Protein backbone atom coordinates (compact mmCIF):
# COMPACT_ATOMS: atom_id res chain seq x y z
CA MET A 1 0.53 0.16 0.09
CA LYS A 2 0.75 3.05 -0.06
CA THR A 3 0.97 6.10 2.36
CA ILE A 4 -0.08 9.32 2.98
CA VAL A 5 0.96 11.93 6.17
CA ILE A 6 -1.29 14.19 6.76
CA LYS A 7 -0.40 17.67 8.90
CA ILE A 8 -3.22 19.12 10.51
CA GLY A 9 -2.79 22.50 11.18
CA THR A 10 -4.45 24.61 14.80
CA SER A 11 -6.38 26.62 12.70
CA THR A 12 -7.79 23.74 10.27
CA LEU A 13 -8.60 21.49 13.19
CA VAL A 14 -9.97 24.49 15.87
CA ARG A 15 -13.04 26.41 15.68
CA SER A 16 -13.79 28.89 18.36
CA GLY A 17 -11.12 27.85 20.43
CA ALA A 18 -12.25 23.42 20.67
CA ILE A 19 -11.44 20.45 18.73
CA ASP A 20 -14.58 20.41 15.28
CA ASP A 21 -15.72 17.21 15.38
CA GLN A 22 -17.61 18.08 12.46
CA PHE A 23 -14.33 18.05 10.30
CA LEU A 24 -12.49 15.19 12.03
CA ARG A 25 -16.12 13.03 10.67
CA ASP A 26 -15.07 14.09 7.07
CA LEU A 27 -11.49 13.66 7.51
CA ALA A 28 -12.33 10.04 8.57
CA HIS A 29 -14.81 8.84 6.01
CA GLN A 30 -11.66 9.93 3.41
CA ILE A 31 -9.44 7.62 5.36
CA GLU A 32 -11.72 5.08 4.88
CA ILE A 33 -12.08 5.56 1.15
CA LEU A 34 -8.98 5.73 0.51
CA ARG A 35 -8.11 2.43 2.41
CA GLY A 36 -10.50 1.53 -0.62
CA GLU A 37 -8.59 3.00 -2.75
CA GLY A 38 -4.56 1.15 -1.56
CA TRP A 39 -3.01 4.19 0.74
CA GLN A 40 -2.50 4.17 4.65
CA SER A 41 -2.54 7.02 6.48
CA VAL A 42 -0.90 8.64 8.99
CA VAL A 43 -2.34 11.73 10.77
CA VAL A 44 -0.05 14.47 12.19
CA THR A 45 -1.99 16.62 13.94
CA SER A 46 -1.64 19.97 16.07
CA GLY A 47 -4.10 21.41 18.85
CA ALA A 48 -3.13 20.05 22.12
CA VAL A 49 -2.24 23.27 23.39
CA ARG A 50 -5.19 25.60 22.13
CA ALA A 51 -8.05 22.62 23.60
CA GLY A 52 -5.86 22.18 27.12
CA LEU A 53 -5.97 26.01 27.40
CA ASN A 54 -10.04 26.25 25.78
CA VAL A 55 -11.05 24.06 28.70
CA LEU A 56 -9.59 26.28 31.47
CA SER A 57 -10.94 29.60 29.12
CA ARG A 58 -7.66 30.64 28.74
CA GLU A 59 -6.57 32.54 25.10
CA ARG A 60 -2.88 32.03 25.15
CA ALA A 61 0.39 29.99 27.24
CA GLN A 62 2.70 32.61 28.59
CA ASN A 63 6.04 30.29 29.18
CA LEU A 64 6.90 26.59 27.75
CA ALA A 65 5.32 25.59 31.42
CA GLU A 66 2.34 26.68 30.53
CA LYS A 67 2.55 25.66 26.77
CA GLN A 68 3.48 22.36 28.51
CA ALA A 69 0.74 22.05 31.04
CA ALA A 70 -1.73 22.83 27.97
CA ALA A 71 -0.46 20.06 26.66
CA ALA A 72 -0.94 17.42 28.99
CA ILE A 73 -4.64 18.71 29.58
CA GLY A 74 -5.39 19.30 25.80
CA GLN A 75 -3.64 15.29 24.67
CA SER A 76 -6.45 13.36 25.84
CA LEU A 77 -9.56 15.35 24.19
CA LEU A 78 -7.76 15.32 21.15
CA MET A 79 -7.21 11.51 21.30
CA ARG A 80 -10.95 11.17 22.40
CA ALA A 81 -12.13 13.41 19.17
CA TYR A 82 -9.54 11.42 16.89
CA ARG A 83 -10.79 8.34 17.72
CA ARG A 84 -14.96 8.59 18.36
CA ALA A 85 -14.80 9.96 14.42
CA LEU A 86 -11.83 7.25 13.05
CA GLY A 87 -14.48 4.24 15.62
CA ASP A 88 -17.68 5.68 13.40
CA GLU A 89 -15.76 4.52 10.36
CA GLY A 90 -14.68 1.54 11.18
CA LEU A 91 -10.74 2.20 12.91
CA HIS A 92 -8.56 2.14 15.13
CA VAL A 93 -6.49 4.51 16.31
CA ALA A 94 -2.40 4.53 18.28
CA GLN A 95 -0.95 7.51 19.07
CA MET A 96 2.73 7.89 18.77
CA LEU A 97 4.00 11.23 20.66
CA LEU A 98 8.27 12.01 19.50
CA THR A 99 10.73 14.38 20.27
CA ARG A 100 13.40 16.02 18.10
CA ALA A 101 15.24 13.08 20.46
CA ASP A 102 13.44 10.05 19.82
CA LEU A 103 14.41 10.65 15.90
CA GLY A 104 17.79 11.71 16.36
CA ASP A 105 19.22 8.87 18.26
CA ARG A 106 19.07 6.09 15.42
CA ARG A 107 17.52 3.35 17.31
CA ARG A 108 14.81 4.86 19.16
CA PHE A 109 14.06 6.03 14.96
CA LEU A 110 14.67 2.45 13.62
CA ASN A 111 11.78 1.07 16.94
CA ALA A 112 9.51 4.26 15.38
CA ARG A 113 9.41 2.90 12.21
CA HIS A 114 8.84 -1.10 13.68
CA THR A 115 5.70 0.83 15.63
CA ALA A 116 4.53 2.42 12.68
CA ASN A 117 4.85 -1.14 10.21
CA GLN A 118 3.05 -3.05 12.87
CA LEU A 119 0.08 -0.31 13.28
CA PHE A 120 -0.25 -0.75 9.40
CA ALA A 121 -0.47 -4.17 9.45
CA TRP A 122 -2.89 -4.16 11.55
CA GLY A 123 -4.84 -1.57 10.22
CA VAL A 124 -4.57 1.14 12.75
CA VAL A 125 -4.37 4.95 12.15
CA PRO A 126 -0.70 6.36 13.84
CA ILE A 127 -2.23 9.65 15.35
CA ILE A 128 1.54 11.73 15.65
CA ASN A 129 2.12 14.89 18.14
CA GLU A 130 4.63 16.17 19.06
CA ASN A 131 5.10 15.07 22.65
CA ASP A 132 5.03 18.96 24.33
CA THR A 133 4.57 17.95 28.01
CA VAL A 134 7.48 17.13 27.70
CA ALA A 135 10.30 18.60 25.32
CA THR A 136 12.76 21.20 25.93
CA GLU A 137 13.98 23.73 23.70
CA GLU A 138 16.73 20.94 23.32
CA ILE A 139 14.92 18.57 22.16
CA ARG A 140 12.06 19.49 20.35
CA VAL A 141 10.80 19.46 16.92
CA GLY A 142 9.14 22.56 17.27
CA ASP A 143 6.49 22.42 14.53
CA ASN A 144 4.09 20.09 12.99
CA ASP A 145 5.17 20.73 9.71
CA THR A 146 8.71 19.23 10.45
CA LEU A 147 7.10 16.59 12.21
CA ALA A 148 5.01 15.84 8.99
CA ALA A 149 7.80 15.66 7.24
CA LEU A 150 10.37 13.71 9.66
CA SER A 151 7.24 10.96 10.64
CA GLY A 152 7.24 10.55 6.27
CA LEU A 153 11.00 9.07 7.40
CA VAL A 154 10.22 7.40 9.20
CA VAL A 155 6.75 5.55 7.35
CA GLY A 156 8.60 5.48 4.18
CA ALA A 157 5.59 8.06 3.07
CA ASP A 158 5.27 8.68 -0.67
CA LYS A 159 2.75 12.22 -0.43
CA VAL A 160 2.81 14.41 2.48
CA LEU A 161 0.00 16.81 2.60
CA LEU A 162 0.17 20.04 5.13
CA LEU A 163 -3.26 20.91 4.99
CA SER A 164 -3.58 25.21 6.68
CA ASP A 165 -5.50 27.87 6.32
CA VAL A 166 -3.91 28.79 3.15
CA ASP A 167 -4.42 27.31 -0.17
CA GLY A 168 -0.83 26.62 -1.16
CA PHE A 169 2.56 28.83 -1.93
CA TYR A 170 2.03 32.19 -3.50
CA LEU A 171 4.69 34.29 -4.30
CA PRO A 172 4.91 38.44 -4.44
CA GLY A 173 2.41 39.91 -6.61
CA LYS A 174 0.66 36.98 -7.35
CA ASN A 175 -3.02 36.53 -6.63
CA THR A 176 -3.13 32.54 -7.28
CA PRO A 177 -1.13 30.43 -5.49
CA GLU A 178 2.25 28.09 -7.89
CA ALA A 179 0.18 24.87 -9.00
CA THR A 180 3.94 22.98 -8.82
CA ILE A 181 7.36 24.49 -7.25
CA GLU A 182 10.41 21.80 -8.71
CA ALA A 183 13.12 23.24 -6.13
CA ILE A 184 13.70 26.05 -3.95
CA THR A 185 15.44 28.30 -4.37
CA PRO A 186 16.40 31.59 -3.03
CA GLU A 187 13.17 33.65 -4.20
CA ILE A 188 11.11 30.64 -2.92
CA GLU A 189 13.12 31.16 0.15
CA ALA A 190 12.56 34.82 -0.19
CA ALA A 191 8.83 34.41 -0.22
CA ALA A 192 8.14 32.58 2.88
CA GLY A 193 6.77 34.48 5.66
CA GLY A 194 7.25 34.25 9.25
CA ALA A 195 5.22 32.88 12.08
CA GLY A 196 2.01 30.73 11.81
CA SER A 197 -1.14 31.57 13.67
CA ILE A 198 -1.83 31.81 17.10
CA GLY A 199 -1.71 28.50 19.28
CA GLY A 200 0.52 27.39 15.83
CA THR A 201 4.17 27.22 15.40
CA GLY A 202 3.98 26.50 12.41
CA GLY A 203 4.47 29.31 9.05
CA MET A 204 5.06 29.05 5.30
CA ARG A 205 8.99 28.71 6.42
CA THR A 206 8.30 25.92 8.13
CA LYS A 207 6.34 24.87 5.39
CA LEU A 208 9.22 25.07 2.62
CA GLU A 209 11.70 23.23 4.92
CA ALA A 210 9.34 20.39 5.82
CA ALA A 211 9.40 20.05 1.42
CA ARG A 212 12.81 20.33 1.48
CA ILE A 213 13.41 17.16 3.70
CA SER A 214 10.51 15.22 1.72
CA THR A 215 11.36 15.63 -1.55
CA ARG A 216 14.74 14.94 -1.28
CA ALA A 217 14.18 11.58 0.45
CA GLY A 218 11.91 11.13 -2.69
CA CYS A 219 9.11 11.70 -0.83
CA GLU A 220 5.95 14.77 -2.99
CA LEU A 221 4.62 17.33 -0.71
CA VAL A 222 2.20 19.76 -1.06
CA ILE A 223 0.06 21.69 1.19
CA ALA A 224 -3.22 23.03 0.69
CA GLN A 225 -6.05 24.75 2.08
CA GLY A 226 -7.25 22.33 4.99
CA ARG A 227 -11.35 23.18 4.81
CA ALA A 228 -11.29 22.00 1.08
CA THR A 229 -14.25 19.93 0.00
CA GLU A 230 -12.18 16.32 0.36
CA VAL A 231 -8.54 17.95 0.13
CA VAL A 232 -7.40 14.49 1.55
CA LEU A 233 -8.93 12.05 -1.40
CA ARG A 234 -8.30 14.85 -3.99
CA VAL A 235 -4.34 15.28 -3.18
CA ALA A 236 -3.83 10.84 -2.53
CA ARG A 237 -5.38 10.96 -6.24
CA GLY A 238 -2.87 13.66 -7.32
CA GLU A 239 -5.43 16.39 -8.54
CA ALA A 240 -3.92 19.54 -8.87
CA ILE A 241 -5.12 21.46 -5.66
CA GLY A 242 -2.63 23.50 -3.71
CA THR A 243 0.60 22.95 -4.59
CA ARG A 244 3.54 20.76 -4.65
CA PHE A 245 6.69 20.62 -4.45
CA LEU A 246 8.08 17.74 -6.68
CA VAL A 247 10.66 14.99 -6.07
CA SER A 248 14.62 16.49 -5.71
CA SER A 249 15.91 16.54 -8.94
CA GLU A 250 19.13 16.23 -7.84
CA GLY A 251 19.18 12.54 -7.39
CA ARG A 252 16.52 11.05 -4.21
CA LEU A 253 19.03 10.33 -0.75
CA ASN A 254 18.76 7.08 1.01
CA ALA A 255 16.58 6.76 3.61
CA ARG A 256 19.56 6.59 6.37
CA LYS A 257 21.24 10.11 4.61
CA SER A 258 18.09 11.25 4.52
CA TRP A 259 17.94 9.92 8.57
CA LEU A 260 21.10 11.41 8.84
CA ALA A 261 20.89 15.32 7.41
CA HIS A 262 17.55 16.06 8.93
CA SER A 263 16.40 13.92 11.98
CA ARG A 264 18.76 15.26 14.25
CA ARG A 265 19.83 18.71 15.50
CA VAL A 266 22.36 20.70 13.84
CA GLU A 267 25.26 21.58 16.98
CA GLY A 268 28.03 23.73 15.07
CA THR A 269 28.65 24.57 11.90
CA LEU A 270 31.97 24.23 9.09
CA HIS A 271 33.60 26.80 6.91
CA LEU A 272 34.88 25.88 4.65
CA ASN A 273 37.71 26.44 2.13
CA PRO A 274 36.70 26.97 -1.62
CA CYS A 275 38.01 23.72 -3.02
CA ALA A 276 36.88 22.32 -0.87
CA ARG A 277 33.17 21.97 -2.05
CA ALA A 278 34.01 20.67 -5.75
CA ALA A 279 36.15 17.74 -3.43
CA LEU A 280 32.25 16.51 -1.37
CA GLU A 281 30.09 17.97 -4.70
CA GLU A 282 31.83 16.13 -7.85
CA ARG A 283 34.42 13.54 -6.19
CA GLY A 284 32.32 12.04 -3.01
CA SER A 285 35.07 12.15 -0.60
CA SER A 286 35.42 12.80 2.74
CA LEU A 287 36.40 16.11 4.60
CA LEU A 288 39.42 16.38 5.62
CA PRO A 289 41.16 18.60 8.11
CA VAL A 290 42.73 20.73 5.43
CA GLY A 291 40.19 21.72 3.90
CA ILE A 292 38.04 23.54 7.22
CA GLU A 293 38.15 27.12 8.06
CA GLY A 294 37.03 28.29 10.40
CA VAL A 295 34.31 26.24 13.39
CA GLU A 296 31.44 28.04 14.92
CA GLY A 297 28.75 26.19 18.02
CA GLU A 298 30.23 24.15 20.85
CA PHE A 299 29.93 20.80 19.72
CA GLY A 300 31.78 17.14 21.12
CA SER A 301 32.78 14.31 18.51
CA GLY A 302 29.72 12.82 16.84
CA SER A 303 27.48 15.62 16.71
CA LEU A 304 25.39 16.80 13.88
CA VAL A 305 27.44 19.76 11.99
CA SER A 306 26.59 22.02 8.67
CA VAL A 307 29.13 21.76 6.18
CA ARG A 308 29.61 25.77 4.64
CA ASP A 309 30.83 27.41 2.94
CA LYS A 310 30.59 30.81 0.83
CA LEU A 311 27.84 29.65 -1.46
CA GLY A 312 25.92 28.23 1.46
CA GLU A 313 25.51 24.93 2.84
CA ILE A 314 26.59 22.19 1.03
CA GLY A 315 25.47 19.19 3.26
CA ARG A 316 25.58 18.12 7.18
CA GLY A 317 27.08 15.45 8.98
CA VAL A 318 28.26 13.57 11.99
CA VAL A 319 31.72 15.08 12.75
CA ARG A 320 34.76 12.93 15.04
CA PHE A 321 36.57 15.75 16.60
CA SER A 322 34.82 18.03 19.70
CA ASP A 323 34.92 21.89 18.18
CA GLU A 324 37.86 22.52 20.19
CA GLU A 325 39.87 19.66 18.34
CA LEU A 326 38.74 20.56 15.15
CA ARG A 327 39.80 25.02 15.50
CA ARG A 328 42.97 23.30 16.56
CA ILE A 329 43.56 20.99 13.22
CA ALA A 330 41.27 22.76 10.78
CA GLY A 331 43.76 23.81 7.57
CA HIS A 332 46.43 20.71 8.78
CA LYS A 333 47.00 17.68 6.56
CA SER A 334 45.77 14.52 8.13
CA ASN A 335 49.71 13.71 8.64
CA GLU A 336 50.32 15.95 11.52
CA LEU A 337 46.93 15.60 12.90
CA ALA A 338 48.31 13.02 15.59
CA THR A 339 51.08 15.40 16.59
CA ILE A 340 48.98 18.42 16.87
CA LEU A 341 46.17 16.45 19.28
CA GLY A 342 48.54 13.57 20.64
CA ARG A 343 47.20 11.04 19.64
CA GLU A 344 46.00 8.76 16.18
CA VAL A 345 43.73 9.83 14.82
CA ALA A 346 41.11 9.39 12.24
CA PRO A 347 42.27 11.64 8.91
CA GLU A 348 39.03 12.91 8.59
CA ALA A 349 36.95 15.40 9.91
CA ILE A 350 33.35 13.55 8.22
CA HIS A 351 33.71 10.34 6.39
CA ARG A 352 31.73 10.08 3.36
CA ASP A 353 29.68 7.86 4.99
CA GLU A 354 29.01 10.22 7.95
CA PHE A 355 27.78 12.62 5.22
CA SER A 356 24.51 13.70 3.36
CA LEU A 357 24.47 16.40 0.82
CA SER A 358 21.98 19.87 0.98
């Protein structure tokens, strides 16, 4: 079966502060129809914080502790609403709460994949949300657009659909959204707006990041108006609705490199000399310390870092040295490293198997 990840934003799911049960009934009916057409569905849902605040008659959360507490109240209400709506269609649901730490750890990432696969085998619809009750800044994904794209990596999705309060991606001066976007160019990035609506965390920038993750992994991403008639069915069937981000023409990353590039938090940046890009992009070489001009951030061996030059990001990879060690060996040849560090070390700052091009 094919797999579609459906992300539902707070502004789509909630009406007058409360979960919109009629919307969920319509969604559940579409999911059941899709099952008969060979699709299995994953729902990435927002709305727990908003639902919790509504119970307490509060307009907004003032700080992280209030958001976590509101999520703790609203999460059970959210799942009850999904269970009721999908249950009316004869479907069971399962809750999967994830954080960046879960997705960034390879073993836990694979455990999430195994869980999702077993749920699919049982005909159960996974309902995914960030574990907001415990997630702090260090381990948060931060927005459900990105979480939807990362969930697509977990389940090997064919499509990711972001349901929003807008009907697609607009370029400046245009009255209609772009039908298709083949590549995320600087013009596209410049056209992205800021943060999302009250109660939500995603704006167009987060949707572009989600598109970048999905399309590099070989998965089409669509942004569409969440209240459009039968929008999930229409997107799954390939109808032209909203904005479609096409699979990257630069080549699909394999599953592990997709995980490597996007599931973990970037902890630092390596700035390279002008010659290093060609070695990484054209020859598929490992990154040697001699190609490094500068080191930014504080991190340890085994951390994920961004690799850049003056033209922009080249890729991301797992470093074999701490930031302090890299500052000492940057610009030096591999045969000099043992003398500088006082021990025998690997010659690569980042091995090519631990590096993913952007």
